[in-house]
Amino acid sequence: FFLPDLRTDEEGNVVIQFKMNEALTKWKFLLFAHTKDLKLGSSTKTVQTQKELMVLPNAPRFLRETDEILYTAKIANLSDKVLNGVAELNLFDAMDRKAVDMAFNLDNSSRNFEVKAGQSTVVSWQLKVPADGMAALVHRVTAKAGDFADGEESVIPVLSNRMLVTEAITLPLRAEESRTFTFESLKRAGSSKTL
């Protein structure tokens, strides 16, 4: 930031005010100053951008049809007071953005929470993945407490229960030797017509 008209208060303090992009990260500020008679001063400062209330979903990498999962999200309070609020989970079909809360047995999407200053808590929802061929799920988690709010949204693939089953075993043989090997787990799955 190059701000040529910085003004100081009576004690020589300078306040730099600007809007940061939305990222939970640390920023390094390098400060350099000089006077008209070329006296120099420099400093390095670190600033962390964060919100007073943050929601951090713990979503799985993928879902499989008919899975039953406990979807959790961490709510962090970085303020200096206790926060009471409401967290909400909303689910959408990624292809047409239609709400699918009921298809996942999510009949109550809201959870009340209380978080002490400088601490975090976890909220959770029990979900059952339908077996209707949905390709991907959009999940949105929001948290609101007083004047503070945060939210996160992303997509999770939903995999079919149909999958190729592979079993591998080592087949040790010597020259001119003949042996019989049995794939035991495939043998126990005897109901397959293509076994």
Protein backbone atom coordinates (compact mmCIF):
# COMPACT_ATOMS: atom_id res chain seq x y z
CA PHE A 1 0.00 0.00 0.00
CA PHE A 2 1.39 3.34 -0.98
CA LEU A 3 -0.52 6.03 0.88
CA PRO A 4 1.39 9.32 0.55
CA ASP A 5 -0.97 11.28 2.81
CA LEU A 6 -0.62 9.30 6.04
CA ARG A 7 -1.36 11.47 9.05
CA THR A 8 -0.18 10.89 12.59
CA ASP A 9 -1.73 11.74 15.93
CA GLU A 10 -0.02 13.78 18.68
CA GLU A 11 2.01 10.72 19.75
CA GLY A 12 3.22 9.89 16.24
CA ASN A 13 0.88 6.90 15.70
CA VAL A 14 -0.35 6.20 12.18
CA VAL A 15 -3.56 4.27 11.51
CA ILE A 16 -3.77 2.55 8.13
CA GLN A 17 -7.33 1.55 7.33
CA PHE A 18 -8.25 -0.56 4.32
CA LYS A 19 -10.44 -3.49 3.30
CA MET A 20 -8.80 -6.95 3.24
CA ASN A 21 -9.81 -9.77 0.97
CA GLU A 22 -11.63 -12.66 2.64
CA ALA A 23 -8.93 -15.06 3.76
CA LEU A 24 -7.99 -16.57 7.10
CA THR A 25 -4.26 -16.03 6.91
CA LYS A 26 -1.30 -13.99 8.17
CA TRP A 27 -0.01 -10.99 6.25
CA LYS A 28 3.45 -9.48 6.50
CA PHE A 29 3.70 -5.67 6.46
CA LEU A 30 7.02 -4.03 5.70
CA LEU A 31 7.16 -0.40 6.84
CA PHE A 32 9.74 2.11 5.70
CA ALA A 33 9.86 5.80 6.61
CA HIS A 34 12.28 8.68 6.18
CA THR A 35 12.46 12.34 7.10
CA LYS A 36 13.43 15.28 4.90
CA ASP A 37 16.96 15.14 6.30
CA LEU A 38 17.14 11.36 5.41
CA LYS A 39 16.75 9.85 8.85
CA LEU A 40 15.44 6.32 8.25
CA GLY A 41 13.15 3.97 10.08
CA SER A 42 11.75 0.57 9.21
CA SER A 43 9.66 -2.13 10.81
CA THR A 44 8.12 -5.48 9.99
CA LYS A 45 4.70 -6.37 11.37
CA THR A 46 2.48 -9.42 11.02
CA VAL A 47 -1.29 -9.09 10.85
CA GLN A 48 -3.73 -11.99 10.95
CA THR A 49 -7.04 -11.59 9.16
CA GLN A 50 -9.88 -13.40 10.86
CA LYS A 51 -13.47 -12.95 11.85
CA GLU A 52 -14.75 -12.82 15.41
CA LEU A 53 -17.07 -15.75 14.60
CA MET A 54 -15.94 -18.45 12.17
CA VAL A 55 -17.62 -21.65 11.03
CA LEU A 56 -15.33 -24.45 9.84
CA PRO A 57 -17.22 -27.41 8.29
CA ASN A 58 -15.75 -30.90 8.65
CA ALA A 59 -17.28 -32.37 5.50
CA PRO A 60 -16.26 -35.78 4.14
CA ARG A 61 -14.32 -35.98 0.84
CA PHE A 62 -17.24 -37.91 -0.71
CA LEU A 63 -20.54 -39.57 0.18
CA ARG A 64 -21.78 -42.98 -0.89
CA GLU A 65 -25.44 -43.79 -1.53
CA THR A 66 -27.26 -45.06 1.62
CA ASP A 67 -24.46 -43.85 3.93
CA GLU A 68 -25.45 -42.57 7.34
CA ILE A 69 -23.08 -39.88 8.58
CA LEU A 70 -22.71 -37.34 11.36
CA TYR A 71 -21.90 -34.07 9.60
CA THR A 72 -20.02 -31.73 11.94
CA ALA A 73 -18.85 -28.12 11.90
CA LYS A 74 -16.61 -26.27 14.34
CA ILE A 75 -17.65 -22.79 15.44
CA ALA A 76 -14.79 -20.60 16.70
CA ASN A 77 -15.29 -17.49 18.82
CA LEU A 78 -12.34 -15.11 18.45
CA SER A 79 -14.12 -12.25 20.20
CA ASP A 80 -13.70 -11.24 23.85
CA LYS A 81 -17.25 -12.19 24.92
CA VAL A 82 -19.55 -15.21 25.05
CA LEU A 83 -21.51 -15.68 21.82
CA ASN A 84 -24.93 -17.34 21.60
CA GLY A 85 -26.29 -18.03 18.17
CA VAL A 86 -27.73 -20.37 15.57
CA ALA A 87 -25.89 -22.59 13.08
CA GLU A 88 -27.70 -23.86 10.01
CA LEU A 89 -26.96 -26.58 7.45
CA ASN A 90 -28.61 -26.42 4.01
CA LEU A 91 -28.24 -29.09 1.31
CA PHE A 92 -28.77 -28.68 -2.44
CA ASP A 93 -28.54 -30.92 -5.50
CA ALA A 94 -25.46 -29.60 -7.30
CA MET A 95 -27.02 -30.10 -10.75
CA ASP A 96 -30.18 -28.01 -10.33
CA ARG A 97 -29.59 -26.23 -6.96
CA LYS A 98 -32.90 -27.56 -5.57
CA ALA A 99 -33.07 -28.03 -1.80
CA VAL A 100 -32.66 -31.68 -0.76
CA ASP A 101 -32.72 -31.36 3.04
CA MET A 102 -35.67 -33.77 3.41
CA ALA A 103 -34.11 -36.35 1.06
CA PHE A 104 -31.17 -36.56 3.49
CA ASN A 105 -33.51 -36.83 6.54
CA LEU A 106 -32.49 -33.32 7.62
CA ASP A 107 -35.78 -32.24 9.16
CA ASN A 108 -34.25 -29.66 11.54
CA SER A 109 -31.41 -27.76 9.91
CA SER A 110 -30.83 -25.30 12.81
CA ARG A 111 -28.66 -25.85 15.87
CA ASN A 112 -28.34 -23.43 18.80
CA PHE A 113 -24.84 -22.91 20.17
CA GLU A 114 -22.96 -21.06 22.89
CA VAL A 115 -19.23 -20.38 22.62
CA LYS A 116 -17.07 -18.82 25.33
CA ALA A 117 -14.62 -16.07 24.43
CA GLY A 118 -11.54 -17.42 22.66
CA GLN A 119 -12.92 -20.97 22.46
CA SER A 120 -14.79 -23.17 20.00
CA THR A 121 -17.64 -25.65 19.95
CA VAL A 122 -18.95 -28.31 17.57
CA VAL A 123 -22.43 -28.61 16.07
CA SER A 124 -23.62 -31.71 14.23
CA TRP A 125 -26.39 -33.08 12.02
CA GLN A 126 -27.30 -36.74 11.36
CA LEU A 127 -27.71 -37.39 7.62
CA LYS A 128 -28.80 -40.39 5.53
CA VAL A 129 -27.68 -40.27 1.90
CA PRO A 130 -30.52 -41.24 -0.49
CA ALA A 131 -30.05 -43.92 -3.15
CA ASP A 132 -31.54 -41.86 -5.98
CA GLY A 133 -28.49 -41.33 -8.21
CA MET A 134 -27.61 -37.78 -7.16
CA ALA A 135 -24.16 -36.97 -8.59
CA ALA A 136 -23.05 -34.22 -6.21
CA LEU A 137 -24.25 -32.40 -3.12
CA VAL A 138 -23.81 -28.73 -2.26
CA HIS A 139 -23.57 -28.18 1.49
CA ARG A 140 -23.83 -24.72 3.07
CA VAL A 141 -23.14 -24.10 6.75
CA THR A 142 -23.83 -20.70 8.32
CA ALA A 143 -23.50 -19.41 11.87
CA LYS A 144 -24.96 -16.19 13.30
CA ALA A 145 -24.50 -14.70 16.74
CA GLY A 146 -25.50 -11.10 17.42
CA ASP A 147 -23.73 -8.84 14.90
CA PHE A 148 -21.37 -11.62 13.79
CA ALA A 149 -21.96 -14.11 10.97
CA ASP A 150 -19.94 -16.51 8.85
CA GLY A 151 -20.63 -19.26 6.34
CA GLU A 152 -19.04 -21.73 3.97
CA GLU A 153 -20.33 -23.63 0.95
CA SER A 154 -18.77 -26.36 -1.19
CA VAL A 155 -19.58 -29.47 -3.23
CA ILE A 156 -19.24 -33.15 -2.23
CA PRO A 157 -19.42 -35.95 -4.82
CA VAL A 158 -22.02 -38.67 -4.16
CA LEU A 159 -20.79 -42.09 -5.29
CA SER A 160 -22.94 -45.00 -6.37
CA ASN A 161 -22.95 -48.22 -4.35
CA ARG A 162 -22.14 -50.17 -7.51
CA MET A 163 -18.41 -50.79 -7.60
CA LEU A 164 -15.90 -53.23 -8.96
CA VAL A 165 -14.68 -55.66 -6.30
CA THR A 166 -11.11 -56.81 -6.68
CA GLU A 167 -9.24 -59.38 -4.63
CA ALA A 168 -5.54 -60.02 -5.10
CA ILE A 169 -3.43 -62.86 -3.73
CA THR A 170 0.14 -63.89 -4.35
CA LEU A 171 0.51 -66.97 -6.57
CA PRO A 172 3.93 -68.50 -5.76
CA LEU A 173 4.90 -71.20 -8.27
CA ARG A 174 8.11 -72.98 -9.14
CA ALA A 175 9.04 -74.18 -12.60
CA GLU A 176 6.99 -77.21 -13.71
CA GLU A 177 4.76 -76.93 -10.57
CA SER A 178 0.96 -76.99 -10.50
CA ARG A 179 -1.15 -75.63 -7.60
CA THR A 180 -4.76 -74.72 -6.87
CA PHE A 181 -5.58 -71.28 -5.40
CA THR A 182 -8.93 -70.14 -3.97
CA PHE A 183 -10.12 -66.53 -3.74
CA GLU A 184 -11.84 -67.03 -0.37
CA SER A 185 -13.64 -63.68 0.01
CA LEU A 186 -15.05 -63.91 -3.52
CA LYS A 187 -16.09 -67.52 -2.84
CA ARG A 188 -17.99 -66.37 0.31
CA ALA A 189 -19.85 -63.74 -1.75
CA GLY A 190 -21.57 -66.63 -3.57
CA SER A 191 -24.71 -64.75 -4.64
CA SER A 192 -23.00 -63.08 -7.64
CA LYS A 193 -24.06 -64.33 -11.09
CA THR A 194 -20.84 -63.05 -12.69
CA LEU A 195 -18.41 -64.52 -10.11
